[in-house]
Amino acid sequence: MTKDLVEFERQIAEASQGCFGDAKSLTRRAQPPRVSIRGQRFTLVDSEGQQRPVPGDKLQFVVLAIKKPRVRFFYPPPYDPRRPFACYSLDCIQSEPDSPERQTVFCRDCPKKEWTQTSRGESVKPECGEKKQIVVYISGEGAWLMSIPAGSLRLYWDKYVDEIEDVSAQQKQRDGHSTTTLMTLVTEASFVLGKQSILQFRAIGYAKDRLSEYDRAEFIRLFKDQLLLTNLLWGSQKREQQYLKDIGKPLEARPYVPRADSPKLITTEQLNDRASEPPPWEDKPVSRRRAPPSQQKTAEDPLTGTDSGFDFMP
């Protein structure tokens, strides 16, 4: 391994050790450059709306940044992703003031996020869907915002993150340090056969081995450009700072009391007047206690023992 590859791996691994917590699926801009999965195919859509289909049915990328909270988008029924969304939230706490048809100030108040049932007892998905957003680096293409649908999170994205985290922990225990994070691996996304707009993920190699010299240099440049990454994920530094300020407030402060006469739909003027109200904090962070490594995998599992579990790892 050449000296520059070692340094590339060291820089990215050191700076991305905290990526696992943010990657778990806990959370306008003028539309940023983004990856679309409409029509069961990957398409790159730039900020001007110009589209370039990705050849094949897979997308390979390296994670540049991860937004911890999920986002929400509400499309009025009947659902048609080709129509613009009516209301959205960048943190699942409060809707954005510039939503075309803002439903409520706080997501807590909105019935559009609730699961419902038919008269036959069948579950109906919320009209306002959640997504996980990440910024990905695509070789030769640069940085793009990618939204992972709610149906892909628990069974596929979270499972993938857990797998990488387990390998990283085993590598650290074995070698005293780890070079395996979401930002040092090339991830491949593909569509789950027979399921509409559901993505699955797998690691196919280390970025230091898969990326060209130009791509490695470009990745490091973008990785260090926190303003660019913040704007892609949040639209502005001000919006991210508002979220950080909100979650820093004590959960006990001024508890939210639902009002029986609260209208489900109110005017934009009323929403703006209420925007200064404290958000209804009620969701406490959930601690995911993991079992000891010996209890997580069986002896037959390739992730146990000293083996890294990835066939591309040394």
C-alpha atoms as a PDB file:
ATOM      1  CA  MET A   1       0.000   0.000   0.000  1.00  0.00           C
ATOM      2  CA  THR A   2       1.505   3.352  -1.046  1.00  0.00           C
ATOM      3  CA  LYS A   3       2.030   6.189   1.381  1.00  0.00           C
ATOM      4  CA  ASP A   4      -0.696   8.399  -0.111  1.00  0.00           C
ATOM      5  CA  LEU A   5      -3.282   5.592   0.164  1.00  0.00           C
ATOM      6  CA  VAL A   6      -2.379   5.062   3.812  1.00  0.00           C
ATOM      7  CA  GLU A   7      -2.745   8.782   4.482  1.00  0.00           C
ATOM      8  CA  PHE A   8      -6.072   8.894   2.591  1.00  0.00           C
ATOM      9  CA  GLU A   9      -7.441   6.052   4.675  1.00  0.00           C
ATOM     10  CA  ARG A  10      -6.152   7.541   7.922  1.00  0.00           C
ATOM     11  CA  GLN A  11      -7.688  10.978   7.312  1.00  0.00           C
ATOM     12  CA  ILE A  12     -11.134   9.682   6.400  1.00  0.00           C
ATOM     13  CA  ALA A  13     -11.238   6.990   9.101  1.00  0.00           C
ATOM     14  CA  GLU A  14     -10.174   9.453  11.801  1.00  0.00           C
ATOM     15  CA  ALA A  15     -12.718  12.096  10.797  1.00  0.00           C
ATOM     16  CA  SER A  16     -15.656   9.705  10.350  1.00  0.00           C
ATOM     17  CA  GLN A  17     -15.526   7.572  13.499  1.00  0.00           C
ATOM     18  CA  GLY A  18     -18.769   9.134  14.721  1.00  0.00           C
ATOM     19  CA  CYS A  19     -20.740   8.347  11.572  1.00  0.00           C
ATOM     20  CA  PHE A  20     -22.616   5.315  12.922  1.00  0.00           C
ATOM     21  CA  GLY A  21     -24.802   7.183  15.395  1.00  0.00           C
ATOM     22  CA  ASP A  22     -25.810   9.781  12.807  1.00  0.00           C
ATOM     23  CA  ALA A  23     -26.510   7.069  10.221  1.00  0.00           C
ATOM     24  CA  LYS A  24     -29.095   5.249  12.307  1.00  0.00           C
ATOM     25  CA  SER A  25     -32.588   6.105  11.094  1.00  0.00           C
ATOM     26  CA  LEU A  26     -33.784   7.876  14.105  1.00  0.00           C
ATOM     27  CA  THR A  27     -33.340  12.477  10.843  1.00  0.00           C
ATOM     28  CA  ARG A  28     -35.406  23.479   0.643  1.00  0.00           C
ATOM     29  CA  ARG A  29     -33.945  24.499  -0.153  1.00  0.00           C
ATOM     30  CA  ALA A  30     -34.081  25.270  -3.810  1.00  0.00           C
ATOM     31  CA  GLN A  31     -33.790  21.685  -4.856  1.00  0.00           C
ATOM     32  CA  PRO A  32     -30.162  20.563  -4.430  1.00  0.00           C
ATOM     33  CA  PRO A  33     -28.371  18.133  -6.756  1.00  0.00           C
ATOM     34  CA  ARG A  34     -29.966  14.825  -5.821  1.00  0.00           C
ATOM     35  CA  VAL A  35     -30.331  11.143  -6.617  1.00  0.00           C
ATOM     36  CA  SER A  36     -33.813  10.175  -7.791  1.00  0.00           C
ATOM     37  CA  ILE A  37     -35.157   6.605  -7.589  1.00  0.00           C
ATOM     38  CA  ARG A  38     -38.375   7.302  -9.465  1.00  0.00           C
ATOM     39  CA  GLY A  39     -39.420   4.563 -11.834  1.00  0.00           C
ATOM     40  CA  GLN A  40     -37.148   1.948 -10.204  1.00  0.00           C
ATOM     41  CA  ARG A  41     -34.005   3.497 -11.646  1.00  0.00           C
ATOM     42  CA  PHE A  42     -31.268   5.769 -10.380  1.00  0.00           C
ATOM     43  CA  THR A  43     -31.186   9.240 -11.943  1.00  0.00           C
ATOM     44  CA  LEU A  44     -28.966  12.214 -11.136  1.00  0.00           C
ATOM     45  CA  VAL A  45     -31.015  15.425 -11.039  1.00  0.00           C
ATOM     46  CA  ASP A  46     -29.004  18.634 -10.853  1.00  0.00           C
ATOM     47  CA  SER A  47     -30.120  21.874  -9.214  1.00  0.00           C
ATOM     48  CA  GLU A  48     -31.573  23.043 -12.531  1.00  0.00           C
ATOM     49  CA  GLY A  49     -33.714  19.934 -12.863  1.00  0.00           C
ATOM     50  CA  GLN A  50     -31.648  18.374 -15.636  1.00  0.00           C
ATOM     51  CA  GLN A  51     -31.691  14.575 -15.415  1.00  0.00           C
ATOM     52  CA  ARG A  52     -29.014  12.006 -16.249  1.00  0.00           C
ATOM     53  CA  PRO A  53     -29.904   8.330 -15.779  1.00  0.00           C
ATOM     54  CA  VAL A  54     -27.253   6.179 -14.077  1.00  0.00           C
ATOM     55  CA  PRO A  55     -26.312   3.237 -16.340  1.00  0.00           C
ATOM     56  CA  GLY A  56     -27.434  -0.146 -15.028  1.00  0.00           C
ATOM     57  CA  ASP A  57     -29.623  -0.860 -12.016  1.00  0.00           C
ATOM     58  CA  LYS A  58     -27.077  -0.206  -9.252  1.00  0.00           C
ATOM     59  CA  LEU A  59     -25.516   2.924  -7.763  1.00  0.00           C
ATOM     60  CA  GLN A  60     -22.043   2.940  -6.223  1.00  0.00           C
ATOM     61  CA  PHE A  61     -21.027   5.740  -3.901  1.00  0.00           C
ATOM     62  CA  VAL A  62     -19.055   6.743  -0.808  1.00  0.00           C
ATOM     63  CA  VAL A  63     -20.935   8.451   2.024  1.00  0.00           C
ATOM     64  CA  LEU A  64     -19.826  12.056   2.548  1.00  0.00           C
ATOM     65  CA  ALA A  65     -22.249  13.194   5.244  1.00  0.00           C
ATOM     66  CA  ILE A  66     -25.328  11.987   7.124  1.00  0.00           C
ATOM     67  CA  LYS A  67     -28.242  13.908   8.573  1.00  0.00           C
ATOM     68  CA  LYS A  68     -29.209  12.483  11.961  1.00  0.00           C
ATOM     69  CA  PRO A  69     -32.937  13.332  12.023  1.00  0.00           C
ATOM     70  CA  ARG A  70     -35.264  12.053   9.341  1.00  0.00           C
ATOM     71  CA  VAL A  71     -37.158  14.377   7.018  1.00  0.00           C
ATOM     72  CA  ARG A  72     -40.837  14.383   6.052  1.00  0.00           C
ATOM     73  CA  PHE A  73     -42.623  15.140   2.791  1.00  0.00           C
ATOM     74  CA  PHE A  74     -46.390  15.405   2.363  1.00  0.00           C
ATOM     75  CA  TYR A  75     -47.915  14.846  -1.072  1.00  0.00           C
ATOM     76  CA  PRO A  76     -51.673  15.487  -1.260  1.00  0.00           C
ATOM     77  CA  PRO A  77     -53.692  12.433  -2.343  1.00  0.00           C
ATOM     78  CA  PRO A  78     -53.830  10.866  -4.797  1.00  0.00           C
ATOM     79  CA  TYR A  79     -50.080  10.390  -4.381  1.00  0.00           C
ATOM     80  CA  ASP A  80     -48.014  11.291  -7.418  1.00  0.00           C
ATOM     81  CA  PRO A  81     -44.275  11.878  -6.890  1.00  0.00           C
ATOM     82  CA  ARG A  82     -44.180  13.912 -10.089  1.00  0.00           C
ATOM     83  CA  ARG A  83     -46.232  16.593  -8.343  1.00  0.00           C
ATOM     84  CA  PRO A  84     -44.426  18.945  -5.939  1.00  0.00           C
ATOM     85  CA  PHE A  85     -44.838  18.222  -2.244  1.00  0.00           C
ATOM     86  CA  ALA A  86     -47.274  20.414  -0.331  1.00  0.00           C
ATOM     87  CA  CYS A  87     -45.566  20.438   3.057  1.00  0.00           C
ATOM     88  CA  TYR A  88     -42.208  19.239   4.351  1.00  0.00           C
ATOM     89  CA  SER A  89     -39.959  19.161   7.399  1.00  0.00           C
ATOM     90  CA  LEU A  90     -36.187  18.975   7.514  1.00  0.00           C
ATOM     91  CA  ASP A  91     -36.092  17.479  11.011  1.00  0.00           C
ATOM     92  CA  CYS A  92     -39.504  15.848  11.728  1.00  0.00           C
ATOM     93  CA  ILE A  93     -39.985  18.441  14.465  1.00  0.00           C
ATOM     94  CA  GLN A  94     -41.518  21.394  12.690  1.00  0.00           C
ATOM     95  CA  SER A  95     -42.643  22.041   9.143  1.00  0.00           C
ATOM     96  CA  GLU A  96     -40.784  24.522   6.981  1.00  0.00           C
ATOM     97  CA  PRO A  97     -42.330  28.017   6.696  1.00  0.00           C
ATOM     98  CA  ASP A  98     -41.978  28.016   2.906  1.00  0.00           C
ATOM     99  CA  SER A  99     -44.045  24.840   2.442  1.00  0.00           C
ATOM    100  CA  PRO A 100     -46.565  25.533  -0.371  1.00  0.00           C
ATOM    101  CA  GLU A 101     -49.466  24.205   1.743  1.00  0.00           C
ATOM    102  CA  ARG A 102     -48.153  24.154   5.285  1.00  0.00           C
ATOM    103  CA  GLN A 103     -50.319  21.849   7.383  1.00  0.00           C
ATOM    104  CA  THR A 104     -49.260  22.658  10.960  1.00  0.00           C
ATOM    105  CA  VAL A 105     -46.322  24.374  12.631  1.00  0.00           C
ATOM    106  CA  PHE A 106     -45.159  21.294  14.498  1.00  0.00           C
ATOM    107  CA  CYS A 107     -45.190  17.773  13.120  1.00  0.00           C
ATOM    108  CA  ARG A 108     -46.498  16.683  16.505  1.00  0.00           C
ATOM    109  CA  ASP A 109     -49.861  18.313  15.709  1.00  0.00           C
ATOM    110  CA  CYS A 110     -50.265  16.964  12.194  1.00  0.00           C
ATOM    111  CA  PRO A 111     -52.631  14.041  11.499  1.00  0.00           C
ATOM    112  CA  LYS A 112     -50.975  13.452   8.120  1.00  0.00           C
ATOM    113  CA  LYS A 113     -48.083  11.639   9.816  1.00  0.00           C
ATOM    114  CA  GLU A 114     -50.308   9.064  11.542  1.00  0.00           C
ATOM    115  CA  TRP A 115     -50.939   5.484  10.467  1.00  0.00           C
ATOM    116  CA  THR A 116     -54.632   4.766   9.935  1.00  0.00           C
ATOM    117  CA  GLN A 117     -56.795   1.693   9.322  1.00  0.00           C
ATOM    118  CA  THR A 118     -59.439   0.788   6.795  1.00  0.00           C
ATOM    119  CA  SER A 119     -62.850  -0.512   7.828  1.00  0.00           C
ATOM    120  CA  ARG A 120     -61.399  -4.001   7.315  1.00  0.00           C
ATOM    121  CA  GLY A 121     -58.602  -3.360   9.783  1.00  0.00           C
ATOM    122  CA  GLU A 122     -55.865  -2.994   7.160  1.00  0.00           C
ATOM    123  CA  SER A 123     -53.063  -0.562   7.964  1.00  0.00           C
ATOM    124  CA  VAL A 124     -52.722   2.497   5.766  1.00  0.00           C
ATOM    125  CA  LYS A 125     -49.399   4.311   5.523  1.00  0.00           C
ATOM    126  CA  PRO A 126     -49.248   7.969   6.578  1.00  0.00           C
ATOM    127  CA  GLU A 127     -49.799  10.520   3.847  1.00  0.00           C
ATOM    128  CA  CYS A 128     -46.678  12.296   5.089  1.00  0.00           C
ATOM    129  CA  GLY A 129     -43.733   9.952   4.528  1.00  0.00           C
ATOM    130  CA  GLU A 130     -40.356   9.912   6.288  1.00  0.00           C
ATOM    131  CA  LYS A 131     -36.948   9.556   4.674  1.00  0.00           C
ATOM    132  CA  LYS A 132     -33.308   9.422   5.734  1.00  0.00           C
ATOM    133  CA  GLN A 133     -30.980  11.797   3.910  1.00  0.00           C
ATOM    134  CA  ILE A 134     -27.284  11.379   3.218  1.00  0.00           C
ATOM    135  CA  VAL A 135     -24.788  13.082   0.930  1.00  0.00           C
ATOM    136  CA  VAL A 136     -22.951  10.673  -1.336  1.00  0.00           C
ATOM    137  CA  TYR A 137     -19.868  10.977  -3.503  1.00  0.00           C
ATOM    138  CA  ILE A 138     -20.262   9.385  -6.924  1.00  0.00           C
ATOM    139  CA  SER A 139     -17.069   8.773  -8.862  1.00  0.00           C
ATOM    140  CA  GLY A 140     -16.562  11.458 -11.494  1.00  0.00           C
ATOM    141  CA  GLU A 141     -19.844  13.161 -10.548  1.00  0.00           C
ATOM    142  CA  GLY A 142     -19.183  14.814  -7.181  1.00  0.00           C
ATOM    143  CA  ALA A 143     -21.565  15.260  -4.236  1.00  0.00           C
ATOM    144  CA  TRP A 144     -25.300  14.445  -4.383  1.00  0.00           C
ATOM    145  CA  LEU A 145     -28.125  14.390  -1.862  1.00  0.00           C
ATOM    146  CA  MET A 146     -29.717  10.951  -1.537  1.00  0.00           C
ATOM    147  CA  SER A 147     -33.003  10.232   0.255  1.00  0.00           C
ATOM    148  CA  ILE A 148     -33.574   6.716   1.568  1.00  0.00           C
ATOM    149  CA  PRO A 149     -37.303   5.848   1.734  1.00  0.00           C
ATOM    150  CA  ALA A 150     -38.853   4.772   5.032  1.00  0.00           C
ATOM    151  CA  GLY A 151     -39.472   1.262   3.694  1.00  0.00           C
ATOM    152  CA  SER A 152     -35.732   0.797   3.146  1.00  0.00           C
ATOM    153  CA  LEU A 153     -34.595   1.895   6.591  1.00  0.00           C
ATOM    154  CA  ARG A 154     -35.134  -0.756   9.239  1.00  0.00           C
ATOM    155  CA  LEU A 155     -34.670  -3.901   7.131  1.00  0.00           C
ATOM    156  CA  TYR A 156     -31.951  -2.657   4.810  1.00  0.00           C
ATOM    157  CA  TRP A 157     -30.167   0.617   5.690  1.00  0.00           C
ATOM    158  CA  ASP A 158     -30.093   0.114   9.467  1.00  0.00           C
ATOM    159  CA  LYS A 159     -29.035  -3.507   9.017  1.00  0.00           C
ATOM    160  CA  TYR A 160     -26.229  -2.425   6.695  1.00  0.00           C
ATOM    161  CA  VAL A 161     -25.029   0.253   9.139  1.00  0.00           C
ATOM    162  CA  ASP A 162     -25.061  -2.282  11.989  1.00  0.00           C
ATOM    163  CA  GLU A 163     -22.988  -4.687   9.909  1.00  0.00           C
ATOM    164  CA  ILE A 164     -20.340  -2.063   9.157  1.00  0.00           C
ATOM    165  CA  GLU A 165     -20.320  -0.956  12.787  1.00  0.00           C
ATOM    166  CA  ASP A 166     -19.779  -4.547  13.946  1.00  0.00           C
ATOM    167  CA  VAL A 167     -16.871  -5.004  11.555  1.00  0.00           C
ATOM    168  CA  SER A 168     -15.361  -1.698  12.694  1.00  0.00           C
ATOM    169  CA  ALA A 169     -15.615  -2.754  16.354  1.00  0.00           C
ATOM    170  CA  GLN A 170     -14.002  -6.120  15.650  1.00  0.00           C
ATOM    171  CA  GLN A 171     -11.201  -4.497  13.684  1.00  0.00           C
ATOM    172  CA  LYS A 172     -10.577  -2.036  16.528  1.00  0.00           C
ATOM    173  CA  GLN A 173     -10.533  -4.847  19.073  1.00  0.00           C
ATOM    174  CA  ARG A 174      -8.133  -6.883  16.952  1.00  0.00           C
ATOM    175  CA  ASP A 175      -5.772  -4.147  15.715  1.00  0.00           C
ATOM    176  CA  GLY A 176      -6.279  -1.376  18.268  1.00  0.00           C
ATOM    177  CA  HIS A 177      -7.755   0.923  15.625  1.00  0.00           C
ATOM    178  CA  SER A 178     -10.311   0.799  12.816  1.00  0.00           C
ATOM    179  CA  THR A 179     -10.205   2.014   9.223  1.00  0.00           C
ATOM    180  CA  THR A 180     -13.732   0.810   8.487  1.00  0.00           C
ATOM    181  CA  THR A 181     -16.506   3.409   8.513  1.00  0.00           C
ATOM    182  CA  LEU A 182     -19.284   4.348   6.115  1.00  0.00           C
ATOM    183  CA  MET A 183     -16.951   7.036   4.760  1.00  0.00           C
ATOM    184  CA  THR A 184     -14.076   4.672   3.949  1.00  0.00           C
ATOM    185  CA  LEU A 185     -16.147   2.077   2.087  1.00  0.00           C
ATOM    186  CA  VAL A 186     -17.727   2.062  -1.345  1.00  0.00           C
ATOM    187  CA  THR A 187     -21.419   1.255  -0.905  1.00  0.00           C
ATOM    188  CA  GLU A 188     -23.595  -0.236  -3.613  1.00  0.00           C
ATOM    189  CA  ALA A 189     -27.341   0.458  -3.592  1.00  0.00           C
ATOM    190  CA  SER A 190     -29.804  -1.580  -5.631  1.00  0.00           C
ATOM    191  CA  PHE A 191     -33.555  -2.145  -5.768  1.00  0.00           C
ATOM    192  CA  VAL A 192     -35.095  -5.033  -3.868  1.00  0.00           C
ATOM    193  CA  LEU A 193     -36.649  -7.386  -6.399  1.00  0.00           C
ATOM    194  CA  GLY A 194     -40.424  -7.233  -6.435  1.00  0.00           C
ATOM    195  CA  LYS A 195     -40.710  -4.200  -4.132  1.00  0.00           C
ATOM    196  CA  GLN A 196     -41.423  -0.684  -5.364  1.00  0.00           C
ATOM    197  CA  SER A 197     -38.781   1.940  -4.477  1.00  0.00           C
ATOM    198  CA  ILE A 198     -37.167  -0.190  -1.746  1.00  0.00           C
ATOM    199  CA  LEU A 199     -33.353  -0.063  -1.626  1.00  0.00           C
ATOM    200  CA  GLN A 200     -30.815  -2.523  -0.267  1.00  0.00           C
ATOM    201  CA  PHE A 201     -27.146  -1.852   0.424  1.00  0.00           C
ATOM    202  CA  ARG A 202     -23.841  -3.704   0.523  1.00  0.00           C
ATOM    203  CA  ALA A 203     -20.164  -2.801   0.818  1.00  0.00           C
ATOM    204  CA  ILE A 204     -18.085  -3.668  -2.246  1.00  0.00           C
ATOM    205  CA  GLY A 205     -14.639  -2.386  -1.285  1.00  0.00           C
ATOM    206  CA  TYR A 206     -12.540   0.295   0.330  1.00  0.00           C
ATOM    207  CA  ALA A 207     -12.611   3.764  -1.191  1.00  0.00           C
ATOM    208  CA  LYS A 208      -8.797   3.902  -1.202  1.00  0.00           C
ATOM    209  CA  ASP A 209      -8.759   0.884  -3.518  1.00  0.00           C
ATOM    210  CA  ARG A 210     -11.815   1.682  -5.646  1.00  0.00           C
ATOM    211  CA  LEU A 211     -11.436   5.416  -6.244  1.00  0.00           C
ATOM    212  CA  SER A 212      -8.984   6.947  -8.680  1.00  0.00           C
ATOM    213  CA  GLU A 213      -6.356   9.399  -7.489  1.00  0.00           C
ATOM    214  CA  TYR A 214      -8.520  12.267  -8.750  1.00  0.00           C
ATOM    215  CA  ASP A 215     -11.620  10.943  -6.971  1.00  0.00           C
ATOM    216  CA  ARG A 216      -9.726  10.455  -3.701  1.00  0.00           C
ATOM    217  CA  ALA A 217      -8.505  14.052  -3.788  1.00  0.00           C
ATOM    218  CA  GLU A 218     -11.983  15.318  -4.718  1.00  0.00           C
ATOM    219  CA  PHE A 219     -13.613  13.263  -1.986  1.00  0.00           C
ATOM    220  CA  ILE A 220     -11.280  14.687   0.679  1.00  0.00           C
ATOM    221  CA  ARG A 221     -11.907  18.218  -0.594  1.00  0.00           C
ATOM    222  CA  LEU A 222     -15.682  17.779  -0.391  1.00  0.00           C
ATOM    223  CA  PHE A 223     -15.461  15.924   2.926  1.00  0.00           C
ATOM    224  CA  LYS A 224     -13.745  18.959   4.459  1.00  0.00           C
ATOM    225  CA  ASP A 225     -16.206  21.444   2.940  1.00  0.00           C
ATOM    226  CA  GLN A 226     -18.685  21.517   5.826  1.00  0.00           C
ATOM    227  CA  LEU A 227     -20.551  24.537   4.451  1.00  0.00           C
ATOM    228  CA  LEU A 228     -21.305  22.688   1.221  1.00  0.00           C
ATOM    229  CA  LEU A 229     -22.455  19.553   3.060  1.00  0.00           C
ATOM    230  CA  THR A 230     -24.594  21.580   5.486  1.00  0.00           C
ATOM    231  CA  ASN A 231     -26.283  23.396   2.605  1.00  0.00           C
ATOM    232  CA  LEU A 232     -27.026  20.110   0.857  1.00  0.00           C
ATOM    233  CA  LEU A 233     -28.584  18.568   3.966  1.00  0.00           C
ATOM    234  CA  TRP A 234     -30.188  21.607   5.595  1.00  0.00           C
ATOM    235  CA  GLY A 235     -30.463  24.312   2.976  1.00  0.00           C
ATOM    236  CA  SER A 236     -28.558  26.714   5.217  1.00  0.00           C
ATOM    237  CA  GLN A 237     -26.411  26.860   8.340  1.00  0.00           C
ATOM    238  CA  LYS A 238     -29.166  28.816  10.059  1.00  0.00           C
ATOM    239  CA  ARG A 239     -31.629  25.931   9.686  1.00  0.00           C
ATOM    240  CA  GLU A 240     -29.157  23.399  11.071  1.00  0.00           C
ATOM    241  CA  GLN A 241     -28.373  25.690  14.003  1.00  0.00           C
ATOM    242  CA  GLN A 242     -32.093  25.989  14.735  1.00  0.00           C
ATOM    243  CA  TYR A 243     -32.373  22.200  14.925  1.00  0.00           C
ATOM    244  CA  LEU A 244     -29.334  21.936  17.205  1.00  0.00           C
ATOM    245  CA  LYS A 245     -30.772  24.658  19.432  1.00  0.00           C
ATOM    246  CA  ASP A 246     -34.136  22.903  19.564  1.00  0.00           C
ATOM    247  CA  ILE A 247     -32.840  19.482  20.560  1.00  0.00           C
ATOM    248  CA  GLY A 248     -30.635  21.078  23.191  1.00  0.00           C
ATOM    249  CA  LYS A 249     -33.653  22.329  25.120  1.00  0.00           C
ATOM    250  CA  PRO A 250     -34.606  20.304  28.218  1.00  0.00           C
ATOM    251  CA  LEU A 251     -37.469  17.914  27.528  1.00  0.00           C
ATOM    252  CA  GLU A 252     -39.265  19.037  30.698  1.00  0.00           C
ATOM    253  CA  ALA A 253     -39.353  22.701  29.778  1.00  0.00           C
ATOM    254  CA  ARG A 254     -42.861  24.017  29.048  1.00  0.00           C
ATOM    255  CA  PRO A 255     -44.505  20.689  28.195  1.00  0.00           C
ATOM    256  CA  TYR A 256     -46.907  20.660  25.284  1.00  0.00           C
ATOM    257  CA  VAL A 257     -50.614  20.409  26.131  1.00  0.00           C
ATOM    258  CA  PRO A 258     -52.860  19.533  23.137  1.00  0.00           C
ATOM    259  CA  ARG A 259     -55.707  21.936  22.515  1.00  0.00           C
ATOM    260  CA  ALA A 260     -59.020  20.294  21.739  1.00  0.00           C
ATOM    261  CA  ASP A 261     -60.040  23.162  19.507  1.00  0.00           C
ATOM    262  CA  SER A 262     -56.835  23.226  17.455  1.00  0.00           C
ATOM    263  CA  PRO A 263     -57.733  23.366  13.751  1.00  0.00           C
ATOM    264  CA  LYS A 264     -56.140  20.736  11.550  1.00  0.00           C
ATOM    265  CA  LEU A 265     -55.649  23.243   8.753  1.00  0.00           C
ATOM    266  CA  ILE A 266     -54.884  26.899   9.435  1.00  0.00           C
ATOM    267  CA  THR A 267     -53.777  29.828   7.349  1.00  0.00           C
ATOM    268  CA  THR A 268     -50.191  30.756   6.603  1.00  0.00           C
ATOM    269  CA  GLU A 269     -50.622  33.926   8.674  1.00  0.00           C
ATOM    270  CA  GLN A 270     -51.756  31.909  11.677  1.00  0.00           C
ATOM    271  CA  LEU A 271     -48.855  29.506  11.253  1.00  0.00           C
ATOM    272  CA  ASN A 272     -46.335  32.328  11.150  1.00  0.00           C
ATOM    273  CA  ASP A 273     -47.877  33.831  14.292  1.00  0.00           C
ATOM    274  CA  ARG A 274     -47.474  30.484  16.073  1.00  0.00           C
ATOM    275  CA  ALA A 275     -43.938  29.879  14.836  1.00  0.00           C
ATOM    276  CA  SER A 276     -42.473  31.372  18.002  1.00  0.00           C
ATOM    277  CA  GLU A 277     -44.175  28.761  20.208  1.00  0.00           C
ATOM    278  CA  PRO A 278     -41.907  26.162  21.833  1.00  0.00           C
ATOM    279  CA  PRO A 279     -41.873  22.820  19.990  1.00  0.00           C
ATOM    280  CA  PRO A 280     -43.620  19.913  21.719  1.00  0.00           C
ATOM    281  CA  TRP A 281     -40.745  17.769  22.884  1.00  0.00           C
ATOM    282  CA  GLU A 282     -42.031  14.358  23.788  1.00  0.00           C
ATOM    283  CA  ASP A 283     -39.842  11.867  22.000  1.00  0.00           C
ATOM    284  CA  LYS A 284     -37.013  10.895  24.294  1.00  0.00           C
ATOM    285  CA  PRO A 285     -33.860   9.415  22.770  1.00  0.00           C
ATOM    286  CA  VAL A 286     -33.924   5.653  22.652  1.00  0.00           C
ATOM    287  CA  SER A 287     -30.830   3.777  23.781  1.00  0.00           C
ATOM    288  CA  ARG A 288     -30.133   0.746  21.645  1.00  0.00           C
ATOM    289  CA  ARG A 289     -28.211  -1.621  23.890  1.00  0.00           C
ATOM    290  CA  ARG A 290     -26.291  -4.127  21.845  1.00  0.00           C
ATOM    291  CA  ALA A 291     -25.583  -7.644  22.971  1.00  0.00           C
ATOM    292  CA  PRO A 292     -21.953  -8.694  23.485  1.00  0.00           C
ATOM    293  CA  PRO A 293     -20.264  -9.711  20.200  1.00  0.00           C
ATOM    294  CA  SER A 294     -20.319 -13.352  21.286  1.00  0.00           C
ATOM    295  CA  GLN A 295     -24.091 -13.232  21.451  1.00  0.00           C
ATOM    296  CA  GLN A 296     -24.688 -11.294  18.258  1.00  0.00           C
ATOM    297  CA  LYS A 297     -23.448 -13.820  15.702  1.00  0.00           C
ATOM    298  CA  THR A 298     -23.142 -17.550  15.413  1.00  0.00           C
ATOM    299  CA  ALA A 299     -19.893 -19.365  14.777  1.00  0.00           C
ATOM    300  CA  GLU A 300     -20.937 -19.871  11.166  1.00  0.00           C
ATOM    301  CA  ASP A 301     -21.340 -16.159  10.564  1.00  0.00           C
ATOM    302  CA  PRO A 302     -18.451 -14.710   8.527  1.00  0.00           C
ATOM    303  CA  LEU A 303     -18.397 -11.585  10.685  1.00  0.00           C
ATOM    304  CA  THR A 304     -17.202 -13.454  13.774  1.00  0.00           C
ATOM    305  CA  GLY A 305     -13.645 -14.274  14.764  1.00  0.00           C
ATOM    306  CA  THR A 306     -10.648 -12.395  13.469  1.00  0.00           C
ATOM    307  CA  ASP A 307     -11.906 -12.403   9.908  1.00  0.00           C
ATOM    308  CA  SER A 308     -13.266  -8.995   8.901  1.00  0.00           C
ATOM    309  CA  GLY A 309     -16.287 -10.543   7.208  1.00  0.00           C
ATOM    310  CA  PHE A 310     -15.699  -8.704   3.927  1.00  0.00           C
ATOM    311  CA  ASP A 311     -13.979 -10.633   1.177  1.00  0.00           C
ATOM    312  CA  PHE A 312     -12.250  -7.450  -0.038  1.00  0.00           C
ATOM    313  CA  MET A 313     -10.596  -6.733   3.329  1.00  0.00           C
ATOM    314  CA  PRO A 314      -7.017  -7.852   3.985  1.00  0.00           C
END
